[in-house]
Protein backbone atom coordinates (compact mmCIF):
# COMPACT_ATOMS: atom_id res chain seq x y z
CA MET A 1 0.00 0.00 0.00
CA LYS A 2 1.44 3.36 -0.98
CA ALA A 3 1.30 6.47 1.11
CA ARG A 4 1.07 9.82 -0.56
CA SER A 5 3.91 11.48 1.30
CA ILE A 6 6.72 10.52 3.64
CA PRO A 7 5.85 12.82 6.56
CA GLY A 8 2.21 11.89 6.49
CA ASP A 9 2.73 8.13 6.32
CA PHE A 10 0.79 6.12 8.83
CA TYR A 11 -0.34 2.54 8.57
CA LEU A 12 -2.99 0.92 10.73
CA ALA A 13 -3.73 -2.61 12.00
CA ARG A 14 -3.14 -5.51 9.70
CA LEU A 15 -5.06 -8.27 7.98
CA ARG A 16 -3.50 -11.57 7.09
CA SER A 17 -2.83 -13.50 3.90
CA SER A 18 -0.38 -16.25 3.19
CA THR A 19 1.41 -17.93 0.33
CA ASN A 20 3.01 -21.36 0.27
CA ILE A 21 5.34 -22.41 -2.52
CA SER A 22 6.99 -25.81 -2.85
CA SER A 23 9.48 -26.43 -5.64
CA ARG A 24 11.56 -29.47 -6.54
CA THR A 25 15.03 -29.39 -8.12
CA LEU A 26 15.46 -27.49 -11.37
CA ASP A 27 17.74 -28.50 -14.25
CA ASN A 28 18.88 -24.92 -14.66
CA MET A 29 18.54 -21.71 -12.75
CA ARG A 30 15.35 -20.15 -14.05
CA PRO A 31 15.06 -16.37 -14.17
CA ALA A 32 13.87 -14.88 -10.89
CA LEU A 33 10.10 -14.52 -10.65
CA ALA A 34 9.45 -16.49 -13.87
CA PRO A 35 8.68 -20.23 -13.37
CA SER A 36 10.20 -22.49 -16.05
CA SER A 37 7.44 -25.09 -15.75
CA PRO A 38 3.70 -24.62 -15.37
CA ALA A 39 2.66 -24.02 -11.79
CA GLU A 40 -0.48 -25.43 -10.26
CA PRO A 41 -2.30 -22.80 -8.19
CA HIS A 42 -4.63 -24.02 -5.48
CA THR A 43 -6.73 -21.92 -3.11
CA ILE A 44 -7.81 -23.54 0.14
CA SER A 45 -9.43 -21.38 2.84
CA GLY A 46 -7.57 -18.28 1.67
CA LEU A 47 -4.18 -20.03 1.47
CA THR A 48 -2.55 -19.82 -1.95
CA ARG A 49 -0.34 -22.78 -2.85
CA ILE A 50 1.92 -23.05 -5.88
CA ARG A 51 3.68 -26.29 -6.68
CA ALA A 52 6.32 -26.65 -9.39
CA HIS A 53 7.71 -30.10 -10.22
CA THR A 54 10.77 -30.91 -12.32
CA PRO A 55 13.03 -33.97 -12.68
CA PRO A 56 16.02 -34.36 -10.30
CA ARG A 57 19.09 -32.34 -11.23
CA SER A 58 22.14 -34.13 -12.64
CA HIS A 59 25.57 -33.46 -11.15
CA ALA A 60 26.54 -31.53 -14.27
CA ALA A 61 23.59 -29.19 -14.15
CA ARG A 62 24.55 -25.57 -14.79
CA THR A 63 23.72 -23.59 -11.68
CA PHE A 64 24.79 -20.21 -10.38
CA LEU A 65 23.75 -17.36 -8.14
CA PRO A 66 21.07 -15.03 -9.53
CA SER A 67 22.53 -11.72 -10.61
CA PRO A 68 21.89 -8.64 -8.48
CA PRO A 69 19.85 -5.84 -10.00
CA GLU A 70 23.00 -4.05 -11.20
CA THR A 71 24.39 -6.54 -13.77
CA ALA A 72 26.58 -4.20 -15.80
CA GLY A 73 30.11 -5.53 -16.11
CA ARG A 74 29.31 -8.88 -14.48
CA LYS A 75 30.54 -12.09 -16.10
CA GLU A 76 28.44 -15.20 -16.59
CA PRO A 77 29.63 -18.20 -14.57
CA THR A 78 31.96 -20.58 -16.40
CA GLU A 79 32.20 -24.36 -16.16
CA GLU A 80 35.26 -23.86 -13.95
CA THR A 81 33.57 -21.49 -11.49
CA GLU A 82 29.88 -22.38 -11.49
CA HIS A 83 30.25 -25.08 -8.81
CA HIS A 84 32.54 -23.25 -6.39
CA HIS A 85 29.64 -22.67 -3.98
CA TYR A 86 29.10 -26.38 -3.52
CA HIS A 87 32.63 -27.35 -2.44
CA HIS A 88 32.57 -31.12 -1.82
CA HIS A 89 29.06 -31.32 -0.39
CA HIS A 90 27.71 -33.61 -3.10
CA HIS A 91 30.57 -36.13 -2.99
CA TYR A 92 29.40 -38.17 -0.01
CA HIS A 93 29.98 -41.88 0.52
CA HIS A 94 26.64 -43.59 0.97
CA GLN A 95 28.23 -46.77 2.23
CA ASP A 96 29.54 -44.87 5.28
CA TYR A 97 26.05 -44.75 6.80
CA ALA A 98 23.97 -47.09 4.62
CA GLY A 99 23.23 -49.39 7.55
CA ALA A 100 22.41 -46.65 10.03
CA MET A 101 18.64 -46.71 9.40
CA GLU A 102 16.83 -49.05 11.77
CA ALA A 103 15.63 -52.16 9.94
CA GLY A 104 12.00 -52.00 8.90
CA LEU A 105 11.81 -48.19 9.02
CA GLU A 106 11.70 -45.61 6.26
CA TRP A 107 11.21 -41.87 6.01
CA VAL A 108 7.68 -40.67 5.38
CA ALA A 109 8.84 -37.04 5.38
CA ARG A 110 11.87 -35.06 6.50
CA GLY A 111 13.14 -31.51 6.20
CA TYR A 112 14.36 -28.57 8.22
CA GLY A 113 14.38 -24.79 7.97
CA LYS A 114 13.76 -21.46 9.67
CA GLY A 115 10.32 -20.41 10.85
CA ASN A 116 8.73 -17.01 11.42
CA VAL A 117 11.45 -14.92 9.79
CA LYS A 118 10.00 -11.44 10.23
CA LEU A 119 10.83 -8.55 7.94
CA LEU A 120 9.55 -5.14 7.00
CA HIS A 121 10.49 -3.94 3.52
CA VAL A 122 10.37 -0.19 2.88
CA ARG A 123 10.36 1.03 -0.70
CA ARG A 124 11.34 4.68 -0.93
CA GLU A 125 10.54 6.48 -4.17
CA GLY A 126 11.26 10.14 -3.55
CA PRO A 127 8.48 11.59 -1.41
CA VAL A 128 6.47 8.36 -1.58
CA HIS A 129 7.10 5.43 0.78
CA SER A 130 5.39 2.04 0.65
CA ILE A 131 5.81 -0.76 3.17
CA LYS A 132 5.30 -4.51 3.16
CA GLU A 133 5.55 -6.68 6.26
CA TYR A 134 6.03 -10.45 6.04
CA GLU A 135 6.77 -13.62 7.96
CA VAL A 136 8.68 -16.24 5.99
CA ASP A 137 9.17 -19.96 6.68
CA THR A 138 11.86 -21.89 4.82
CA GLN A 139 12.26 -25.67 4.64
CA LEU A 140 14.89 -27.65 2.78
CA THR A 141 15.08 -31.38 2.05
CA LEU A 142 18.54 -32.79 1.34
CA GLU A 143 19.41 -35.63 -1.02
CA THR A 144 21.10 -37.48 1.83
CA ASP A 145 19.80 -38.24 5.31
CA LYS A 146 23.19 -38.62 6.99
CA ASP A 147 22.51 -35.60 9.20
CA TYR A 148 19.64 -37.54 10.77
CA LEU A 149 21.20 -41.02 10.80
CA VAL A 150 24.81 -40.41 11.83
CA GLY A 151 24.93 -36.73 12.77
CA ASP A 152 27.02 -35.74 9.73
CA ASN A 153 26.25 -32.06 9.04
CA SER A 154 28.49 -31.62 6.00
CA ASP A 155 25.48 -31.12 3.68
CA VAL A 156 23.42 -29.02 6.09
CA VAL A 157 22.69 -25.39 5.20
CA ALA A 158 22.25 -23.84 8.65
CA THR A 159 18.83 -22.41 9.43
CA ASP A 160 20.58 -19.16 10.38
CA SER A 161 22.02 -19.05 6.84
CA GLN A 162 18.51 -19.55 5.47
CA LYS A 163 17.30 -16.60 7.57
CA ASN A 164 20.16 -14.44 6.27
CA THR A 165 19.25 -15.43 2.71
CA VAL A 166 15.72 -14.09 3.19
CA TYR A 167 17.08 -10.70 4.26
CA VAL A 168 19.79 -10.53 1.60
CA LEU A 169 17.43 -11.36 -1.28
CA ALA A 170 14.89 -8.84 0.02
CA LYS A 171 17.65 -6.22 0.00
CA ARG A 172 18.95 -7.17 -3.48
CA HIS A 173 15.70 -7.66 -5.33
CA GLY A 174 12.97 -5.99 -3.29
CA ILE A 175 9.56 -7.59 -2.76
CA THR A 176 6.70 -7.10 -5.20
CA SER A 177 4.40 -9.85 -3.89
CA PRO A 178 4.53 -12.88 -1.56
CA GLU A 179 4.40 -15.22 -4.56
CA ALA A 180 7.25 -13.52 -6.40
CA PHE A 181 9.44 -13.48 -3.31
CA ALA A 182 8.72 -17.15 -2.52
CA LEU A 183 9.63 -18.12 -6.10
CA LEU A 184 12.84 -16.12 -5.83
CA LEU A 185 13.79 -17.97 -2.63
CA THR A 186 13.02 -21.44 -4.01
CA ASP A 187 15.08 -20.76 -7.12
CA HIS A 188 17.96 -19.43 -5.06
CA PHE A 189 18.21 -22.39 -2.68
CA LEU A 190 18.05 -24.93 -5.52
CA ALA A 191 20.66 -23.07 -7.58
CA GLN A 192 23.00 -22.39 -4.67
CA TYR A 193 23.09 -25.85 -3.08
CA ALA A 194 23.35 -29.00 -5.22
CA GLN A 195 22.56 -31.23 -2.22
CA VAL A 196 19.09 -29.68 -1.82
CA THR A 197 16.36 -31.67 -3.60
CA ASN A 198 13.23 -29.89 -2.40
CA VAL A 199 12.43 -26.41 -1.11
CA ALA A 200 9.21 -25.26 0.55
CA ILE A 201 8.69 -21.56 1.22
CA SER A 202 5.72 -20.08 3.06
CA VAL A 203 5.15 -16.32 3.09
CA ARG A 204 2.53 -14.59 5.22
CA ALA A 205 1.82 -11.00 4.27
CA TYR A 206 0.45 -8.42 6.69
CA PRO A 207 -1.07 -5.54 4.69
CA TRP A 208 -1.85 -2.51 6.81
CA GLN A 209 -5.49 -1.51 6.97
CA ARG A 210 -7.63 0.78 9.10
CA GLN A 211 -9.14 -1.39 11.80
CA VAL A 212 -9.79 -0.13 15.33
CA GLU A 213 -11.84 -1.78 18.07
CA HIS A 214 -14.41 0.55 19.66
CA THR A 215 -15.02 -0.10 23.38
CA CYS A 216 -17.37 1.34 25.98
CA LYS A 217 -17.90 1.02 29.74
CA VAL A 218 -20.81 2.51 31.71
CA ILE A 219 -21.04 2.57 35.52
CA LYS A 220 -24.16 3.75 37.35
CA LYS A 221 -25.30 3.44 40.95
CA ARG A 222 -28.95 3.41 41.93
CA GLY A 223 -30.06 7.02 42.16
CA GLY A 224 -26.74 8.22 40.76
CA VAL A 225 -25.42 9.61 37.49
CA ALA A 226 -23.99 7.31 34.84
CA GLU A 227 -20.21 7.39 34.40
CA VAL A 228 -19.38 6.71 30.76
CA TRP A 229 -15.99 5.69 29.39
CA THR A 230 -15.35 5.28 25.67
CA GLY A 231 -12.21 3.62 24.39
CA LEU A 232 -10.30 2.18 21.49
CA GLU A 233 -7.99 -0.83 21.21
CA GLY A 234 -5.57 -2.06 18.58
CA MET A 235 -5.04 1.16 16.64
CA ARG A 236 -1.73 0.35 14.99
CA LEU A 237 0.30 3.23 13.59
CA LEU A 238 3.60 3.36 11.74
CA LYS A 239 5.59 6.07 10.02
CA THR A 240 8.91 5.72 8.24
CA THR A 241 10.43 9.11 8.99
CA GLN A 242 10.31 12.24 11.22
CA SER A 243 10.79 10.21 14.39
CA SER A 244 13.91 10.52 16.55
CA PHE A 245 15.22 9.56 19.98
CA VAL A 246 18.37 11.37 21.12
CA ASN A 247 20.10 12.87 24.18
CA PHE A 248 18.88 10.26 26.65
CA VAL A 249 20.86 9.00 29.68
CA GLN A 250 24.39 7.91 28.84
CA ASP A 251 25.87 5.42 31.32
CA GLU A 252 27.49 1.98 31.51
CA PHE A 253 24.19 0.22 30.79
CA ARG A 254 23.38 2.05 27.57
CA THR A 255 24.02 0.35 24.23
CA LEU A 256 21.38 2.12 22.11
CA PRO A 257 22.83 4.90 19.94
CA ASP A 258 21.13 8.22 19.28
CA GLN A 259 18.59 7.80 16.50
CA GLU A 260 18.05 10.91 14.39
CA ASP A 261 15.54 9.23 12.10
CA ARG A 262 13.84 5.92 12.82
CA ILE A 263 10.69 3.93 12.18
CA PHE A 264 8.02 4.80 14.73
CA SER A 265 5.39 2.12 15.25
CA THR A 266 2.88 1.69 18.06
CA VAL A 267 -0.44 0.07 18.92
CA VAL A 268 -2.64 2.63 20.67
CA SER A 269 -5.01 1.83 23.51
CA ALA A 270 -6.98 4.76 24.92
CA SER A 271 -10.08 5.55 26.96
CA TRP A 272 -11.76 8.79 27.95
CA ARG A 273 -14.41 9.78 30.48
CA TYR A 274 -17.19 12.31 29.91
CA THR A 275 -18.04 15.16 32.28
CA ASP A 276 -21.70 15.23 31.40
CA ILE A 277 -23.45 12.87 29.03
CA ALA A 278 -26.47 15.10 28.38
CA ASN A 279 -26.79 15.88 24.67
CA ILE A 280 -23.40 14.34 23.81
CA ASP A 281 -22.88 13.12 20.25
CA PHE A 282 -20.78 10.04 21.04
CA GLY A 283 -20.17 9.30 17.35
CA ARG A 284 -18.74 12.76 16.70
CA THR A 285 -16.53 12.48 19.79
CA TRP A 286 -15.18 9.12 18.61
CA ILE A 287 -14.33 10.47 15.16
CA THR A 288 -12.65 13.55 16.68
CA VAL A 289 -10.43 11.44 18.95
CA LEU A 290 -9.33 9.27 15.99
CA LYS A 291 -8.49 12.38 13.97
CA VAL A 292 -6.51 13.95 16.83
CA ILE A 293 -4.46 10.75 17.22
CA LYS A 294 -3.67 10.55 13.50
CA ASP A 295 -2.90 14.27 13.19
CA ASN A 296 -0.45 14.22 16.10
CA PHE A 297 1.18 11.02 14.92
CA SER A 298 1.62 11.65 11.20
CA GLY A 299 0.85 15.33 10.69
CA PRO A 300 -0.18 16.92 7.38
CA ALA A 301 0.58 14.89 4.26
CA ASP A 302 2.79 17.61 2.79
CA SER A 303 4.93 18.40 5.84
CA GLY A 304 4.44 15.76 8.52
CA ILE A 305 5.12 16.26 12.21
CA SER A 306 8.22 15.62 14.29
CA SER A 307 8.15 12.98 17.03
CA PRO A 308 11.16 13.42 19.37
CA SER A 309 9.80 10.68 21.65
CA VAL A 310 6.75 8.50 22.13
CA GLN A 311 6.08 10.37 25.39
CA HIS A 312 5.89 13.71 23.59
CA THR A 313 3.47 12.38 20.99
CA LEU A 314 1.28 10.81 23.70
CA TYR A 315 1.08 14.10 25.64
CA ASN A 316 0.17 16.12 22.54
CA ILE A 317 -2.62 13.69 21.65
CA ILE A 318 -4.30 13.77 25.07
CA LYS A 319 -3.83 17.53 25.41
CA ASP A 320 -5.50 18.20 22.06
CA VAL A 321 -8.40 15.85 22.85
CA LEU A 322 -9.09 17.76 26.08
CA LEU A 323 -8.78 21.12 24.30
CA GLN A 324 -11.08 20.16 21.43
CA LEU A 325 -13.66 18.19 23.43
CA PRO A 326 -14.84 20.05 26.56
CA GLU A 327 -17.21 17.16 27.31
CA VAL A 328 -14.20 14.90 28.03
CA SER A 329 -12.87 15.21 31.60
CA GLN A 330 -10.03 12.71 31.53
CA MET A 331 -8.13 10.55 29.07
CA LYS A 332 -5.66 7.73 29.58
CA MET A 333 -3.50 6.27 26.87
CA THR A 334 -0.92 3.54 26.29
CA MET A 335 1.52 3.60 23.36
CA PRO A 336 3.96 0.66 23.30
CA ASN A 337 6.98 1.32 21.12
CA LYS A 338 6.98 -1.56 18.62
CA HIS A 339 10.55 -1.86 17.37
CA TYR A 340 11.77 -2.30 13.81
CA PHE A 341 15.54 -2.79 13.76
CA ASN A 342 17.72 -2.06 10.75
CA ILE A 343 19.33 -5.32 9.57
CA ASP A 344 23.12 -5.13 9.40
CA MET A 345 24.22 -5.96 5.84
CA SER A 346 27.95 -5.41 6.45
CA LYS A 347 28.62 -9.17 6.54
CA PHE A 348 27.08 -9.60 3.09
CA GLU A 349 28.92 -6.90 1.14
CA ASN A 350 30.06 -9.37 -1.53
CA VAL A 351 26.43 -10.36 -2.12
CA VAL A 352 24.44 -7.13 -1.80
CA GLY A 353 27.09 -4.66 -2.97
CA ASN A 354 25.77 -1.56 -1.23
CA ILE A 355 25.70 -2.41 2.48
CA HIS A 356 23.80 0.78 3.37
CA ASN A 357 20.40 -0.56 4.34
CA ASN A 358 17.34 1.62 4.63
CA GLU A 359 14.90 -0.87 3.15
CA VAL A 360 14.90 -4.13 5.15
CA PHE A 361 14.01 -4.12 8.84
CA LEU A 362 13.43 -6.75 11.52
CA PRO A 363 10.09 -6.43 13.34
CA VAL A 364 10.46 -7.32 17.04
CA ASP A 365 7.32 -8.06 19.06
CA LYS A 366 8.96 -8.47 22.46
CA PRO A 367 10.31 -6.75 24.42
CA SER A 368 8.82 -3.37 23.61
CA GLY A 369 8.86 0.01 25.27
CA MET A 370 5.68 0.71 27.25
CA ILE A 371 4.71 4.38 27.42
CA SER A 372 1.50 5.47 29.15
CA GLY A 373 -0.10 8.56 30.64
CA THR A 374 -3.37 9.97 31.96
CA LEU A 375 -4.38 13.63 31.81
CA GLY A 376 -7.39 15.21 33.48
CA ARG A 377 -8.82 18.65 34.06
CA LYS A 378 -7.50 20.02 37.38
CA ASP A 379 -10.81 21.19 38.80
CA LEU A 380 -12.61 17.94 38.00
CA THR A 381 -9.72 15.73 39.11
CA ARG A 382 -9.46 17.44 42.51
CA ALA A 383 -13.23 17.31 42.97
CA LYS A 384 -13.02 13.52 42.68
CA LEU A 385 -10.44 13.28 45.50
């Protein structure tokens, strides 16, 4: 989903879709995002599956790494160099562990991989930013089972390496859709590792949509006046710029550097109490509170608004609600700081080229900063005491 302007970007709670792609070995590296054999799409309860089947690869199959987007001046792999990634992985001795399987048993299924690899991809096109958030599962099946039977890991591609591959390919090629990215990953693993016979990739996409839960609580004693609280839950917000966090306490426990420009994401919970419910338009009040939250978080589309801290943004929201809605006597609010960490590409310079990364981020659910506050009108607050 594209936002119209960087400063005004905000994205709200997410819906869920998923893609699962399973691909067997390919005779040759097919171009990224373009299947060489017909795929069979299936849709089951909203889950898209794509299966591509090809014969097993011969040892002499021509395989190589997909080229990065900048291909000028790059040479095609030669017969002498195209297998250098495989080392001696494929030259195993089956007789060394042929009798290790317990008599009368056989594999029904086997495989291993990395689950729930979270990433946020930010595409920056001048003043327009668009974001895509995913969770990716990878699973590889090897031609040999010696890792299971005798603990020989010489063919094993570590699950941590699989995770790194997800981030590196997202950085190199970008992400246009879950299906395209899953195809890219299956092609890569089959081309990169001759010992891999089957790859299964699942991608779950989390598009950002407006979705906020409206809550209400009413308390009334016999003969008394009703106390009405209105609230909201799950209002997720994110902006890709104009958020900073600097000049905080420097001591021996601090490891976090100053951040002049960072992703700011939160899930707002708020509730407010009314002074007098006579003749109140609750619908108008609800809409006003939502607008105040969005305006103080993202600002105008053409200029945005600066957020030097979550605390500052929280205060401005509650203050403006109380100034604009005299019928509200008190408001409390919680804004957890949901972190998105920049992924360090410095270890993959020979693969990605430009190690400066402002596109691929790691979403972290826990732990998160927890910022909260309650503001009330002085005269009404003291009258309650």
